[in-house]
Amino acid sequence: MAGVVVPRLGLEFLHVVRTLDWQEPLKLDLFPYQEDQRDAVRESVATLRALDE
């Protein structure tokens, strides 16, 4: 799930994206070896959206 390993970096990334008024899609760099890939993407998107609020 996005932001799990180093939460501070995830928050910093979102801060910079917002500061730059970034309008392009965000890309996730995930390696879900033991999880269902679709579930991992859904959870990561939900986490990023929650952090962005």
N, C-alpha and C. Protein backbone atom coordinates (compact mmCIF):
# COMPACT_ATOMS: atom_id res chain seq x y z
N MET A 1 0.84 -1.17 0.00
CA MET A 1 0.00 0.00 0.00
C MET A 1 0.90 1.24 0.00
N ALA A 2 0.52 2.23 -0.76
CA ALA A 2 1.32 3.45 -0.88
C ALA A 2 1.48 4.13 0.47
N GLY A 3 2.70 4.58 0.75
CA GLY A 3 2.96 5.33 1.97
C GLY A 3 3.18 4.50 3.21
N VAL A 4 3.20 3.19 3.09
CA VAL A 4 3.32 2.33 4.27
C VAL A 4 4.76 2.24 4.75
N VAL A 5 5.70 2.10 3.85
CA VAL A 5 7.09 1.88 4.25
C VAL A 5 7.66 3.14 4.91
N VAL A 6 7.50 4.28 4.28
CA VAL A 6 8.00 5.54 4.83
C VAL A 6 6.88 6.59 4.70
N PRO A 7 5.98 6.63 5.68
CA PRO A 7 4.84 7.56 5.59
C PRO A 7 5.24 9.02 5.40
N ARG A 8 6.33 9.44 6.02
CA ARG A 8 6.78 10.83 5.89
C ARG A 8 7.04 11.19 4.43
N LEU A 9 7.63 10.26 3.67
CA LEU A 9 7.92 10.53 2.26
C LEU A 9 6.63 10.65 1.45
N GLY A 10 5.63 9.85 1.79
CA GLY A 10 4.34 9.96 1.11
C GLY A 10 3.69 11.30 1.36
N LEU A 11 3.74 11.76 2.60
CA LEU A 11 3.17 13.07 2.93
C LEU A 11 3.96 14.20 2.26
N GLU A 12 5.27 14.06 2.26
CA GLU A 12 6.11 15.07 1.60
C GLU A 12 5.81 15.13 0.10
N PHE A 13 5.66 13.97 -0.52
CA PHE A 13 5.34 13.91 -1.94
C PHE A 13 4.03 14.62 -2.23
N LEU A 14 3.00 14.34 -1.43
CA LEU A 14 1.71 14.98 -1.64
C LEU A 14 1.79 16.49 -1.42
N HIS A 15 2.60 16.91 -0.46
CA HIS A 15 2.79 18.34 -0.22
C HIS A 15 3.41 19.01 -1.45
N VAL A 16 4.45 18.42 -1.99
CA VAL A 16 5.12 18.99 -3.16
C VAL A 16 4.18 19.01 -4.36
N VAL A 17 3.45 17.94 -4.57
CA VAL A 17 2.51 17.88 -5.69
C VAL A 17 1.47 18.99 -5.57
N ARG A 18 0.96 19.19 -4.37
CA ARG A 18 -0.04 20.25 -4.15
C ARG A 18 0.59 21.63 -4.32
N THR A 19 1.80 21.82 -3.81
CA THR A 19 2.50 23.10 -3.94
C THR A 19 2.73 23.48 -5.40
N LEU A 20 3.05 22.49 -6.20
CA LEU A 20 3.30 22.72 -7.63
C LEU A 20 2.01 22.84 -8.44
N ASP A 21 0.86 22.63 -7.78
CA ASP A 21 -0.43 22.63 -8.46
C ASP A 21 -0.44 21.62 -9.61
N TRP A 22 0.10 20.45 -9.33
CA TRP A 22 0.21 19.37 -10.31
C TRP A 22 -1.17 18.93 -10.77
N GLN A 23 -1.39 18.87 -12.08
CA GLN A 23 -2.69 18.52 -12.63
C GLN A 23 -2.68 17.18 -13.38
N GLU A 24 -1.52 16.59 -13.54
CA GLU A 24 -1.40 15.33 -14.27
C GLU A 24 -1.70 14.15 -13.33
N PRO A 25 -1.98 12.98 -13.91
CA PRO A 25 -2.22 11.81 -13.06
C PRO A 25 -0.99 11.45 -12.23
N LEU A 26 -1.24 10.90 -11.05
CA LEU A 26 -0.16 10.40 -10.21
C LEU A 26 0.04 8.92 -10.51
N LYS A 27 1.27 8.48 -10.50
CA LYS A 27 1.58 7.07 -10.78
C LYS A 27 1.99 6.39 -9.48
N LEU A 28 1.57 5.15 -9.32
CA LEU A 28 1.95 4.37 -8.15
C LEU A 28 3.02 3.35 -8.53
N ASP A 29 4.02 3.23 -7.69
CA ASP A 29 5.09 2.26 -7.89
C ASP A 29 4.90 1.17 -6.84
N LEU A 30 4.16 0.13 -7.20
CA LEU A 30 3.80 -0.92 -6.25
C LEU A 30 4.40 -2.26 -6.66
N PHE A 31 4.71 -3.06 -5.65
CA PHE A 31 5.21 -4.41 -5.88
C PHE A 31 4.46 -5.38 -4.97
N PRO A 32 3.17 -5.61 -5.23
CA PRO A 32 2.39 -6.49 -4.36
C PRO A 32 2.62 -7.97 -4.70
N TYR A 33 3.62 -8.55 -4.07
CA TYR A 33 3.97 -9.94 -4.37
C TYR A 33 2.98 -10.93 -3.76
N GLN A 34 2.58 -10.69 -2.53
CA GLN A 34 1.73 -11.66 -1.84
C GLN A 34 0.27 -11.24 -1.79
N GLU A 35 -0.01 -10.01 -2.18
CA GLU A 35 -1.39 -9.50 -2.14
C GLU A 35 -2.00 -9.56 -3.54
N ASP A 36 -3.30 -9.48 -3.57
CA ASP A 36 -3.98 -9.34 -4.85
C ASP A 36 -3.64 -7.97 -5.42
N GLN A 37 -3.17 -7.91 -6.66
CA GLN A 37 -2.71 -6.65 -7.24
C GLN A 37 -3.81 -5.60 -7.29
N ARG A 38 -5.01 -6.01 -7.65
CA ARG A 38 -6.12 -5.04 -7.73
C ARG A 38 -6.44 -4.46 -6.36
N ASP A 39 -6.46 -5.31 -5.35
CA ASP A 39 -6.73 -4.83 -3.99
C ASP A 39 -5.64 -3.86 -3.52
N ALA A 40 -4.40 -4.16 -3.86
CA ALA A 40 -3.28 -3.30 -3.46
C ALA A 40 -3.42 -1.91 -4.10
N VAL A 41 -3.82 -1.87 -5.36
CA VAL A 41 -4.00 -0.58 -6.03
C VAL A 41 -5.16 0.18 -5.40
N ARG A 42 -6.28 -0.51 -5.15
CA ARG A 42 -7.44 0.15 -4.53
C ARG A 42 -7.08 0.73 -3.16
N GLU A 43 -6.40 -0.05 -2.36
CA GLU A 43 -6.01 0.41 -1.02
C GLU A 43 -5.04 1.58 -1.10
N SER A 44 -4.11 1.53 -2.05
CA SER A 44 -3.14 2.61 -2.20
C SER A 44 -3.82 3.91 -2.64
N VAL A 45 -4.74 3.82 -3.56
CA VAL A 45 -5.47 5.01 -4.01
C VAL A 45 -6.27 5.59 -2.84
N ALA A 46 -6.92 4.72 -2.09
CA ALA A 46 -7.69 5.19 -0.93
C ALA A 46 -6.79 5.86 0.10
N THR A 47 -5.62 5.29 0.34
CA THR A 47 -4.67 5.88 1.29
C THR A 47 -4.20 7.24 0.82
N LEU A 48 -3.82 7.36 -0.46
CA LEU A 48 -3.37 8.65 -0.98
C LEU A 48 -4.48 9.69 -0.91
N ARG A 49 -5.68 9.30 -1.21
CA ARG A 49 -6.80 10.25 -1.13
C ARG A 49 -7.03 10.70 0.31
N ALA A 50 -6.93 9.77 1.25
CA ALA A 50 -7.12 10.12 2.67
C ALA A 50 -5.99 11.06 3.14
N LEU A 51 -4.77 10.80 2.73
CA LEU A 51 -3.64 11.65 3.11
C LEU A 51 -3.74 13.03 2.48
N ASP A 52 -4.38 13.10 1.34
CA ASP A 52 -4.49 14.36 0.61
C ASP A 52 -5.57 15.28 1.16
N GLU A 53 -6.41 14.77 2.04
CA GLU A 53 -7.50 15.60 2.61
C GLU A 53 -6.98 16.55 3.64
